[in-house]
Amino acid sequence: MPKPQIWLLQLLCPARHCLCATPYEPAEYTQDAIEATLRALMQGRGINPWCGICGSRDITAEHAPTPFTDWEAALAAMRAEEAKQLATRALLGGRY
């Protein structure tokens, strides 16, 4: 039996700045359930529900399949992207 496709939920402003994202398997979560889970996590961690770059409060959820069926590979790719974002943030020196 083939492994299920891993999907990515991103919370995006109209400029496509990503507030937060999480991978998931649609067989385990509905889109509404994973969105509620991510928003609750953000609230619990004190992450503002608006864009920290442009200030937009018009945030939408985007669901899309990733090229991954293996969690280890998917998480490695996400961590690599996270490292790039952290490097950019450090380069900007908090001016975001």
PDB file of N, CA and C in Angstrom:
ATOM      1  N   MET A   1       0.846  -1.181   0.000  1.00  0.00           N
ATOM      2  CA  MET A   1       0.000   0.000   0.000  1.00  0.00           C
ATOM      3  C   MET A   1       0.893   1.247   0.000  1.00  0.00           C
ATOM      4  N   PRO A   2       0.647   2.201  -0.913  1.00  0.00           N
ATOM      5  CA  PRO A   2       1.484   3.408  -0.965  1.00  0.00           C
ATOM      6  C   PRO A   2       1.259   4.286   0.257  1.00  0.00           C
ATOM      7  N   LYS A   3       2.309   4.995   0.641  1.00  0.00           N
ATOM      8  CA  LYS A   3       2.205   5.928   1.763  1.00  0.00           C
ATOM      9  C   LYS A   3       1.338   7.116   1.354  1.00  0.00           C
ATOM     10  N   PRO A   4       0.578   7.680   2.305  1.00  0.00           N
ATOM     11  CA  PRO A   4      -0.273   8.825   1.962  1.00  0.00           C
ATOM     12  C   PRO A   4       0.545  10.084   1.701  1.00  0.00           C
ATOM     13  N   GLN A   5       0.017  10.925   0.854  1.00  0.00           N
ATOM     14  CA  GLN A   5       0.637  12.209   0.543  1.00  0.00           C
ATOM     15  C   GLN A   5       0.582  13.102   1.774  1.00  0.00           C
ATOM     16  N   ILE A   6       1.651  13.832   2.023  1.00  0.00           N
ATOM     17  CA  ILE A   6       1.700  14.802   3.111  1.00  0.00           C
ATOM     18  C   ILE A   6       1.322  16.165   2.529  1.00  0.00           C
ATOM     19  N   TRP A   7       0.396  16.828   3.195  1.00  0.00           N
ATOM     20  CA  TRP A   7      -0.056  18.135   2.752  1.00  0.00           C
ATOM     21  C   TRP A   7       0.518  19.218   3.658  1.00  0.00           C
ATOM     22  N   LEU A   8       0.463  20.466   3.183  1.00  0.00           N
ATOM     23  CA  LEU A   8       0.938  21.605   3.951  1.00  0.00           C
ATOM     24  C   LEU A   8      -0.183  22.629   4.074  1.00  0.00           C
ATOM     25  N   LEU A   9      -0.453  23.045   5.295  1.00  0.00           N
ATOM     26  CA  LEU A   9      -1.372  24.143   5.570  1.00  0.00           C
ATOM     27  C   LEU A   9      -0.514  25.369   5.855  1.00  0.00           C
ATOM     28  N   GLN A  10      -0.795  26.464   5.149  1.00  0.00           N
ATOM     29  CA  GLN A  10      -0.128  27.736   5.406  1.00  0.00           C
ATOM     30  C   GLN A  10      -1.191  28.791   5.699  1.00  0.00           C
ATOM     31  N   LEU A  11      -0.960  29.625   6.685  1.00  0.00           N
ATOM     32  CA  LEU A  11      -1.806  30.781   6.956  1.00  0.00           C
ATOM     33  C   LEU A  11      -1.107  31.981   6.325  1.00  0.00           C
ATOM     34  N   LEU A  12      -1.741  32.565   5.311  1.00  0.00           N
ATOM     35  CA  LEU A  12      -1.102  33.578   4.474  1.00  0.00           C
ATOM     36  C   LEU A  12      -1.881  34.882   4.449  1.00  0.00           C
ATOM     37  N   CYS A  13      -1.142  35.994   4.344  1.00  0.00           N
ATOM     38  CA  CYS A  13      -1.761  37.286   4.099  1.00  0.00           C
ATOM     39  C   CYS A  13      -1.897  37.446   2.573  1.00  0.00           C
ATOM     40  N   PRO A  14      -2.561  38.504   2.098  1.00  0.00           N
ATOM     41  CA  PRO A  14      -2.696  38.675   0.642  1.00  0.00           C
ATOM     42  C   PRO A  14      -1.358  38.785  -0.103  1.00  0.00           C
ATOM     43  N   ALA A  15      -0.306  39.246   0.575  1.00  0.00           N
ATOM     44  CA  ALA A  15       1.015  39.332  -0.049  1.00  0.00           C
ATOM     45  C   ALA A  15       1.754  37.990  -0.006  1.00  0.00           C
ATOM     46  N   ARG A  16       1.105  36.972   0.541  1.00  0.00           N
ATOM     47  CA  ARG A  16       1.616  35.610   0.660  1.00  0.00           C
ATOM     48  C   ARG A  16       2.744  35.482   1.685  1.00  0.00           C
ATOM     49  N   HIS A  17       2.791  36.411   2.646  1.00  0.00           N
ATOM     50  CA  HIS A  17       3.680  36.227   3.793  1.00  0.00           C
ATOM     51  C   HIS A  17       3.037  35.159   4.664  1.00  0.00           C
ATOM     52  N   CYS A  18       3.815  34.198   5.112  1.00  0.00           N
ATOM     53  CA  CYS A  18       3.279  33.078   5.873  1.00  0.00           C
ATOM     54  C   CYS A  18       3.415  33.330   7.373  1.00  0.00           C
ATOM     55  N   LEU A  19       2.280  33.328   8.066  1.00  0.00           N
ATOM     56  CA  LEU A  19       2.293  33.503   9.517  1.00  0.00           C
ATOM     57  C   LEU A  19       2.754  32.236  10.201  1.00  0.00           C
ATOM     58  N   CYS A  20       2.248  31.109   9.727  1.00  0.00           N
ATOM     59  CA  CYS A  20       2.545  29.824  10.346  1.00  0.00           C
ATOM     60  C   CYS A  20       2.145  28.733   9.356  1.00  0.00           C
ATOM     61  N   ALA A  21       2.770  27.573   9.487  1.00  0.00           N
ATOM     62  CA  ALA A  21       2.461  26.453   8.592  1.00  0.00           C
ATOM     63  C   ALA A  21       2.653  25.141   9.334  1.00  0.00           C
ATOM     64  N   THR A  22       1.983  24.121   8.835  1.00  0.00           N
ATOM     65  CA  THR A  22       2.150  22.789   9.406  1.00  0.00           C
ATOM     66  C   THR A  22       1.860  21.726   8.348  1.00  0.00           C
ATOM     67  N   PRO A  23       2.631  20.666   8.358  1.00  0.00           N
ATOM     68  CA  PRO A  23       2.310  19.543   7.466  1.00  0.00           C
ATOM     69  C   PRO A  23       1.267  18.647   8.138  1.00  0.00           C
ATOM     70  N   TYR A  24       0.521  17.915   7.320  1.00  0.00           N
ATOM     71  CA  TYR A  24      -0.474  16.993   7.867  1.00  0.00           C
ATOM     72  C   TYR A  24      -0.878  15.986   6.806  1.00  0.00           C
ATOM     73  N   GLU A  25      -1.536  14.931   7.266  1.00  0.00           N
ATOM     74  CA  GLU A  25      -2.108  13.945   6.363  1.00  0.00           C
ATOM     75  C   GLU A  25      -3.622  14.128   6.353  1.00  0.00           C
ATOM     76  N   PRO A  26      -4.230  14.356   5.186  1.00  0.00           N
ATOM     77  CA  PRO A  26      -5.683  14.545   5.112  1.00  0.00           C
ATOM     78  C   PRO A  26      -6.487  13.369   5.663  1.00  0.00           C
ATOM     79  N   ALA A  27      -5.922  12.179   5.687  1.00  0.00           N
ATOM     80  CA  ALA A  27      -6.635  11.027   6.249  1.00  0.00           C
ATOM     81  C   ALA A  27      -6.775  11.156   7.765  1.00  0.00           C
ATOM     82  N   GLU A  28      -5.911  11.974   8.387  1.00  0.00           N
ATOM     83  CA  GLU A  28      -5.941  12.123   9.839  1.00  0.00           C
ATOM     84  C   GLU A  28      -6.625  13.399  10.306  1.00  0.00           C
ATOM     85  N   TYR A  29      -6.652  14.424   9.462  1.00  0.00           N
ATOM     86  CA  TYR A  29      -7.255  15.714   9.817  1.00  0.00           C
ATOM     87  C   TYR A  29      -8.078  16.238   8.656  1.00  0.00           C
ATOM     88  N   THR A  30      -9.243  16.806   8.955  1.00  0.00           N
ATOM     89  CA  THR A  30      -9.959  17.564   7.937  1.00  0.00           C
ATOM     90  C   THR A  30      -9.286  18.922   7.833  1.00  0.00           C
ATOM     91  N   GLN A  31      -9.564  19.650   6.765  1.00  0.00           N
ATOM     92  CA  GLN A  31      -8.981  20.977   6.631  1.00  0.00           C
ATOM     93  C   GLN A  31      -9.412  21.879   7.782  1.00  0.00           C
ATOM     94  N   ASP A  32     -10.687  21.835   8.141  1.00  0.00           N
ATOM     95  CA  ASP A  32     -11.169  22.663   9.257  1.00  0.00           C
ATOM     96  C   ASP A  32     -10.483  22.298  10.572  1.00  0.00           C
ATOM     97  N   ALA A  33     -10.296  21.004  10.807  1.00  0.00           N
ATOM     98  CA  ALA A  33      -9.688  20.560  12.069  1.00  0.00           C
ATOM     99  C   ALA A  33      -8.227  20.986  12.163  1.00  0.00           C
ATOM    100  N   ILE A  34      -7.463  20.849  11.087  1.00  0.00           N
ATOM    101  CA  ILE A  34      -6.040  21.211  11.156  1.00  0.00           C
ATOM    102  C   ILE A  34      -5.893  22.727  11.253  1.00  0.00           C
ATOM    103  N   GLU A  35      -6.786  23.477  10.596  1.00  0.00           N
ATOM    104  CA  GLU A  35      -6.753  24.937  10.726  1.00  0.00           C
ATOM    105  C   GLU A  35      -7.032  25.355  12.171  1.00  0.00           C
ATOM    106  N   ALA A  36      -8.046  24.747  12.782  1.00  0.00           N
ATOM    107  CA  ALA A  36      -8.378  25.075  14.174  1.00  0.00           C
ATOM    108  C   ALA A  36      -7.228  24.703  15.097  1.00  0.00           C
ATOM    109  N   THR A  37      -6.582  23.578  14.845  1.00  0.00           N
ATOM    110  CA  THR A  37      -5.452  23.137  15.666  1.00  0.00           C
ATOM    111  C   THR A  37      -4.290  24.120  15.547  1.00  0.00           C
ATOM    112  N   LEU A  38      -3.978  24.557  14.323  1.00  0.00           N
ATOM    113  CA  LEU A  38      -2.867  25.485  14.128  1.00  0.00           C
ATOM    114  C   LEU A  38      -3.176  26.849  14.744  1.00  0.00           C
ATOM    115  N   ARG A  39      -4.385  27.324  14.563  1.00  0.00           N
ATOM    116  CA  ARG A  39      -4.750  28.625  15.142  1.00  0.00           C
ATOM    117  C   ARG A  39      -4.724  28.573  16.677  1.00  0.00           C
ATOM    118  N   ALA A  40      -5.161  27.468  17.256  1.00  0.00           N
ATOM    119  CA  ALA A  40      -5.114  27.309  18.715  1.00  0.00           C
ATOM    120  C   ALA A  40      -3.667  27.263  19.206  1.00  0.00           C
ATOM    121  N   LEU A  41      -2.799  26.593  18.461  1.00  0.00           N
ATOM    122  CA  LEU A  41      -1.383  26.549  18.815  1.00  0.00           C
ATOM    123  C   LEU A  41      -0.786  27.952  18.775  1.00  0.00           C
ATOM    124  N   MET A  42      -1.100  28.702  17.729  1.00  0.00           N
ATOM    125  CA  MET A  42      -0.601  30.074  17.627  1.00  0.00           C
ATOM    126  C   MET A  42      -1.069  30.911  18.816  1.00  0.00           C
ATOM    127  N   GLN A  43      -2.347  30.810  19.138  1.00  0.00           N
ATOM    128  CA  GLN A  43      -2.889  31.574  20.256  1.00  0.00           C
ATOM    129  C   GLN A  43      -2.221  31.170  21.567  1.00  0.00           C
ATOM    130  N   GLY A  44      -2.049  29.870  21.765  1.00  0.00           N
ATOM    131  CA  GLY A  44      -1.422  29.372  22.984  1.00  0.00           C
ATOM    132  C   GLY A  44       0.028  29.798  23.133  1.00  0.00           C
ATOM    133  N   ARG A  45       0.699  30.019  22.014  1.00  0.00           N
ATOM    134  CA  ARG A  45       2.111  30.436  22.035  1.00  0.00           C
ATOM    135  C   ARG A  45       2.286  31.947  21.932  1.00  0.00           C
ATOM    136  N   GLY A  46       1.168  32.670  21.863  1.00  0.00           N
ATOM    137  CA  GLY A  46       1.247  34.133  21.783  1.00  0.00           C
ATOM    138  C   GLY A  46       1.636  34.661  20.425  1.00  0.00           C
ATOM    139  N   ILE A  47       1.402  33.893  19.370  1.00  0.00           N
ATOM    140  CA  ILE A  47       1.719  34.341  18.010  1.00  0.00           C
ATOM    141  C   ILE A  47       0.549  35.174  17.505  1.00  0.00           C
ATOM    142  N   ASN A  48       0.824  36.398  17.098  1.00  0.00           N
ATOM    143  CA  ASN A  48      -0.223  37.295  16.627  1.00  0.00           C
ATOM    144  C   ASN A  48      -0.921  36.725  15.392  1.00  0.00           C
ATOM    145  N   PRO A  49      -2.237  36.888  15.307  1.00  0.00           N
ATOM    146  CA  PRO A  49      -2.975  36.366  14.154  1.00  0.00           C
ATOM    147  C   PRO A  49      -3.025  37.340  12.983  1.00  0.00           C
ATOM    148  N   TRP A  50      -2.001  38.172  12.825  1.00  0.00           N
ATOM    149  CA  TRP A  50      -1.903  39.077  11.687  1.00  0.00           C
ATOM    150  C   TRP A  50      -0.477  39.021  11.153  1.00  0.00           C
ATOM    151  N   CYS A  51      -0.286  39.583   9.975  1.00  0.00           N
ATOM    152  CA  CYS A  51       1.029  39.529   9.335  1.00  0.00           C
ATOM    153  C   CYS A  51       2.000  40.473  10.022  1.00  0.00           C
ATOM    154  N   GLY A  52       3.118  39.934  10.473  1.00  0.00           N
ATOM    155  CA  GLY A  52       4.143  40.726  11.122  1.00  0.00           C
ATOM    156  C   GLY A  52       5.009  41.499  10.142  1.00  0.00           C
ATOM    157  N   ILE A  53       4.858  41.231   8.850  1.00  0.00           N
ATOM    158  CA  ILE A  53       5.658  41.935   7.840  1.00  0.00           C
ATOM    159  C   ILE A  53       4.894  43.141   7.299  1.00  0.00           C
ATOM    160  N   CYS A  54       3.671  42.906   6.829  1.00  0.00           N
ATOM    161  CA  CYS A  54       2.910  43.998   6.206  1.00  0.00           C
ATOM    162  C   CYS A  54       1.753  44.492   7.063  1.00  0.00           C
ATOM    163  N   GLY A  55       1.443  43.782   8.154  1.00  0.00           N
ATOM    164  CA  GLY A  55       0.393  44.210   9.055  1.00  0.00           C
ATOM    165  C   GLY A  55      -1.018  43.790   8.663  1.00  0.00           C
ATOM    166  N   SER A  56      -1.158  43.084   7.554  1.00  0.00           N
ATOM    167  CA  SER A  56      -2.490  42.676   7.117  1.00  0.00           C
ATOM    168  C   SER A  56      -3.150  41.754   8.144  1.00  0.00           C
ATOM    169  N   ARG A  57      -4.438  41.963   8.308  1.00  0.00           N
ATOM    170  CA  ARG A  57      -5.228  41.091   9.180  1.00  0.00           C
ATOM    171  C   ARG A  57      -6.128  40.185   8.348  1.00  0.00           C
ATOM    172  N   ASP A  58      -5.978  40.267   7.036  1.00  0.00           N
ATOM    173  CA  ASP A  58      -6.733  39.426   6.106  1.00  0.00           C
ATOM    174  C   ASP A  58      -5.934  38.142   5.883  1.00  0.00           C
ATOM    175  N   ILE A  59      -6.128  37.187   6.759  1.00  0.00           N
ATOM    176  CA  ILE A  59      -5.355  35.946   6.738  1.00  0.00           C
ATOM    177  C   ILE A  59      -6.234  34.803   6.242  1.00  0.00           C
ATOM    178  N   THR A  60      -5.724  34.078   5.260  1.00  0.00           N
ATOM    179  CA  THR A  60      -6.460  32.941   4.715  1.00  0.00           C
ATOM    180  C   THR A  60      -5.616  31.677   4.827  1.00  0.00           C
ATOM    181  N   ALA A  61      -6.309  30.566   4.818  1.00  0.00           N
ATOM    182  CA  ALA A  61      -5.640  29.266   4.886  1.00  0.00           C
ATOM    183  C   ALA A  61      -5.489  28.699   3.481  1.00  0.00           C
ATOM    184  N   GLU A  62      -4.315  28.185   3.192  1.00  0.00           N
ATOM    185  CA  GLU A  62      -4.066  27.531   1.913  1.00  0.00           C
ATOM    186  C   GLU A  62      -3.583  26.115   2.183  1.00  0.00           C
ATOM    187  N   HIS A  63      -4.234  25.148   1.584  1.00  0.00           N
ATOM    188  CA  HIS A  63      -3.881  23.741   1.713  1.00  0.00           C
ATOM    189  C   HIS A  63      -3.362  23.264   0.364  1.00  0.00           C
ATOM    190  N   ALA A  64      -2.231  22.566   0.380  1.00  0.00           N
ATOM    191  CA  ALA A  64      -1.683  22.044  -0.872  1.00  0.00           C
ATOM    192  C   ALA A  64      -0.851  20.794  -0.578  1.00  0.00           C
ATOM    193  N   PRO A  65      -0.851  19.861  -1.527  1.00  0.00           N
ATOM    194  CA  PRO A  65      -0.030  18.672  -1.329  1.00  0.00           C
ATOM    195  C   PRO A  65       1.452  19.008  -1.476  1.00  0.00           C
ATOM    196  N   THR A  66       2.275  18.351  -0.708  1.00  0.00           N
ATOM    197  CA  THR A  66       3.726  18.471  -0.850  1.00  0.00           C
ATOM    198  C   THR A  66       4.187  17.339  -1.765  1.00  0.00           C
ATOM    199  N   PRO A  67       5.428  17.339  -2.178  1.00  0.00           N
ATOM    200  CA  PRO A  67       5.923  16.210  -2.968  1.00  0.00           C
ATOM    201  C   PRO A  67       6.285  15.003  -2.104  1.00  0.00           C
ATOM    202  N   PHE A  68       6.003  15.081  -0.798  1.00  0.00           N
ATOM    203  CA  PHE A  68       6.484  14.067   0.136  1.00  0.00           C
ATOM    204  C   PHE A  68       5.413  13.065   0.560  1.00  0.00           C
ATOM    205  N   THR A  69       5.866  11.846   0.776  1.00  0.00           N
ATOM    206  CA  THR A  69       5.050  10.815   1.424  1.00  0.00           C
ATOM    207  C   THR A  69       5.788  10.293   2.652  1.00  0.00           C
ATOM    208  N   ASP A  70       7.011  10.745   2.834  1.00  0.00           N
ATOM    209  CA  ASP A  70       7.853  10.331   3.949  1.00  0.00           C
ATOM    210  C   ASP A  70       7.994  11.495   4.924  1.00  0.00           C
ATOM    211  N   TRP A  71       7.598  11.274   6.182  1.00  0.00           N
ATOM    212  CA  TRP A  71       7.629  12.346   7.176  1.00  0.00           C
ATOM    213  C   TRP A  71       9.037  12.853   7.445  1.00  0.00           C
ATOM    214  N   GLU A  72      10.005  11.965   7.468  1.00  0.00           N
ATOM    215  CA  GLU A  72      11.378  12.391   7.742  1.00  0.00           C
ATOM    216  C   GLU A  72      11.853  13.382   6.677  1.00  0.00           C
ATOM    217  N   ALA A  73      11.591  13.069   5.420  1.00  0.00           N
ATOM    218  CA  ALA A  73      11.992  13.955   4.324  1.00  0.00           C
ATOM    219  C   ALA A  73      11.200  15.261   4.360  1.00  0.00           C
ATOM    220  N   ALA A  74       9.906  15.179   4.637  1.00  0.00           N
ATOM    221  CA  ALA A  74       9.078  16.386   4.692  1.00  0.00           C
ATOM    222  C   ALA A  74       9.551  17.327   5.792  1.00  0.00           C
ATOM    223  N   LEU A  75       9.808  16.781   6.974  1.00  0.00           N
ATOM    224  CA  LEU A  75      10.252  17.626   8.087  1.00  0.00           C
ATOM    225  C   LEU A  75      11.649  18.191   7.852  1.00  0.00           C
ATOM    226  N   ALA A  76      12.513  17.420   7.210  1.00  0.00           N
ATOM    227  CA  ALA A  76      13.850  17.930   6.880  1.00  0.00           C
ATOM    228  C   ALA A  76      13.745  19.117   5.920  1.00  0.00           C
ATOM    229  N   ALA A  77      12.874  19.014   4.934  1.00  0.00           N
ATOM    230  CA  ALA A  77      12.686  20.110   3.979  1.00  0.00           C
ATOM    231  C   ALA A  77      12.114  21.339   4.674  1.00  0.00           C
ATOM    232  N   MET A  78      11.161  21.127   5.570  1.00  0.00           N
ATOM    233  CA  MET A  78      10.581  22.256   6.302  1.00  0.00           C
ATOM    234  C   MET A  78      11.607  22.915   7.215  1.00  0.00           C
ATOM    235  N   ARG A  79      12.427  22.122   7.859  1.00  0.00           N
ATOM    236  CA  ARG A  79      13.464  22.691   8.739  1.00  0.00           C
ATOM    237  C   ARG A  79      14.487  23.490   7.931  1.00  0.00           C
ATOM    238  N   ALA A  80      14.810  23.031   6.729  1.00  0.00           N
ATOM    239  CA  ALA A  80      15.740  23.769   5.869  1.00  0.00           C
ATOM    240  C   ALA A  80      15.141  25.123   5.478  1.00  0.00           C
ATOM    241  N   GLU A  81      13.849  25.141   5.155  1.00  0.00           N
ATOM    242  CA  GLU A  81      13.184  26.405   4.823  1.00  0.00           C
ATOM    243  C   GLU A  81      13.118  27.315   6.038  1.00  0.00           C
ATOM    244  N   GLU A  82      12.846  26.734   7.196  1.00  0.00           N
ATOM    245  CA  GLU A  82      12.805  27.513   8.431  1.00  0.00           C
ATOM    246  C   GLU A  82      14.165  28.169   8.697  1.00  0.00           C
ATOM    247  N   ALA A  83      15.244  27.443   8.463  1.00  0.00           N
ATOM    248  CA  ALA A  83      16.586  27.991   8.676  1.00  0.00           C
ATOM    249  C   ALA A  83      16.838  29.181   7.755  1.00  0.00           C
ATOM    250  N   LYS A  84      16.368  29.107   6.519  1.00  0.00           N
ATOM    251  CA  LYS A  84      16.516  30.225   5.583  1.00  0.00           C
ATOM    252  C   LYS A  84      15.746  31.447   6.090  1.00  0.00           C
ATOM    253  N   GLN A  85      14.525  31.216   6.591  1.00  0.00           N
ATOM    254  CA  GLN A  85      13.715  32.327   7.093  1.00  0.00           C
ATOM    255  C   GLN A  85      14.362  32.961   8.324  1.00  0.00           C
ATOM    256  N   LEU A  86      14.909  32.134   9.213  1.00  0.00           N
ATOM    257  CA  LEU A  86      15.578  32.669  10.400  1.00  0.00           C
ATOM    258  C   LEU A  86      16.818  33.475  10.027  1.00  0.00           C
ATOM    259  N   ALA A  87      17.534  33.022   9.015  1.00  0.00           N
ATOM    260  CA  ALA A  87      18.713  33.763   8.552  1.00  0.00           C
ATOM    261  C   ALA A  87      18.301  35.117   7.974  1.00  0.00           C
ATOM    262  N   THR A  88      17.226  35.138   7.224  1.00  0.00           N
ATOM    263  CA  THR A  88      16.728  36.399   6.673  1.00  0.00           C
ATOM    264  C   THR A  88      16.294  37.334   7.784  1.00  0.00           C
ATOM    265  N   ARG A  89      15.594  36.794   8.771  1.00  0.00           N
ATOM    266  CA  ARG A  89      15.146  37.594   9.905  1.00  0.00           C
ATOM    267  C   ARG A  89      16.345  38.208  10.627  1.00  0.00           C
ATOM    268  N   ALA A  90      17.387  37.416  10.853  1.00  0.00           N
ATOM    269  CA  ALA A  90      18.595  37.913  11.535  1.00  0.00           C
ATOM    270  C   ALA A  90      19.278  38.991  10.693  1.00  0.00           C
ATOM    271  N   LEU A  91      19.297  38.804   9.387  1.00  0.00           N
ATOM    272  CA  LEU A  91      19.920  39.777   8.485  1.00  0.00           C
ATOM    273  C   LEU A  91      19.183  41.111   8.540  1.00  0.00           C
ATOM    274  N   LEU A  92      17.866  41.048   8.651  1.00  0.00           N
ATOM    275  CA  LEU A  92      17.068  42.282   8.726  1.00  0.00           C
ATOM    276  C   LEU A  92      17.166  42.948  10.086  1.00  0.00           C
ATOM    277  N   GLY A  93      17.687  42.227  11.073  1.00  0.00           N
ATOM    278  CA  GLY A  93      17.894  42.815  12.391  1.00  0.00           C
ATOM    279  C   GLY A  93      16.629  43.248  13.093  1.00  0.00           C
ATOM    280  N   GLY A  94      15.560  42.508  12.894  1.00  0.00           N
ATOM    281  CA  GLY A  94      14.319  42.848  13.562  1.00  0.00           C
ATOM    282  C   GLY A  94      13.509  43.919  12.858  1.00  0.00           C
ATOM    283  N   ARG A  95      13.950  44.364  11.688  1.00  0.00           N
ATOM    284  CA  ARG A  95      13.223  45.392  10.934  1.00  0.00           C
ATOM    285  C   ARG A  95      12.270  44.741   9.945  1.00  0.00           C
ATOM    286  N   TYR A  96      11.334  43.977  10.432  1.00  0.00           N
ATOM    287  CA  TYR A  96      10.392  43.262   9.569  1.00  0.00           C
ATOM    288  C   TYR A  96       8.969  43.619   9.916  1.00  0.00           C
TER     289      TYR A  96
END
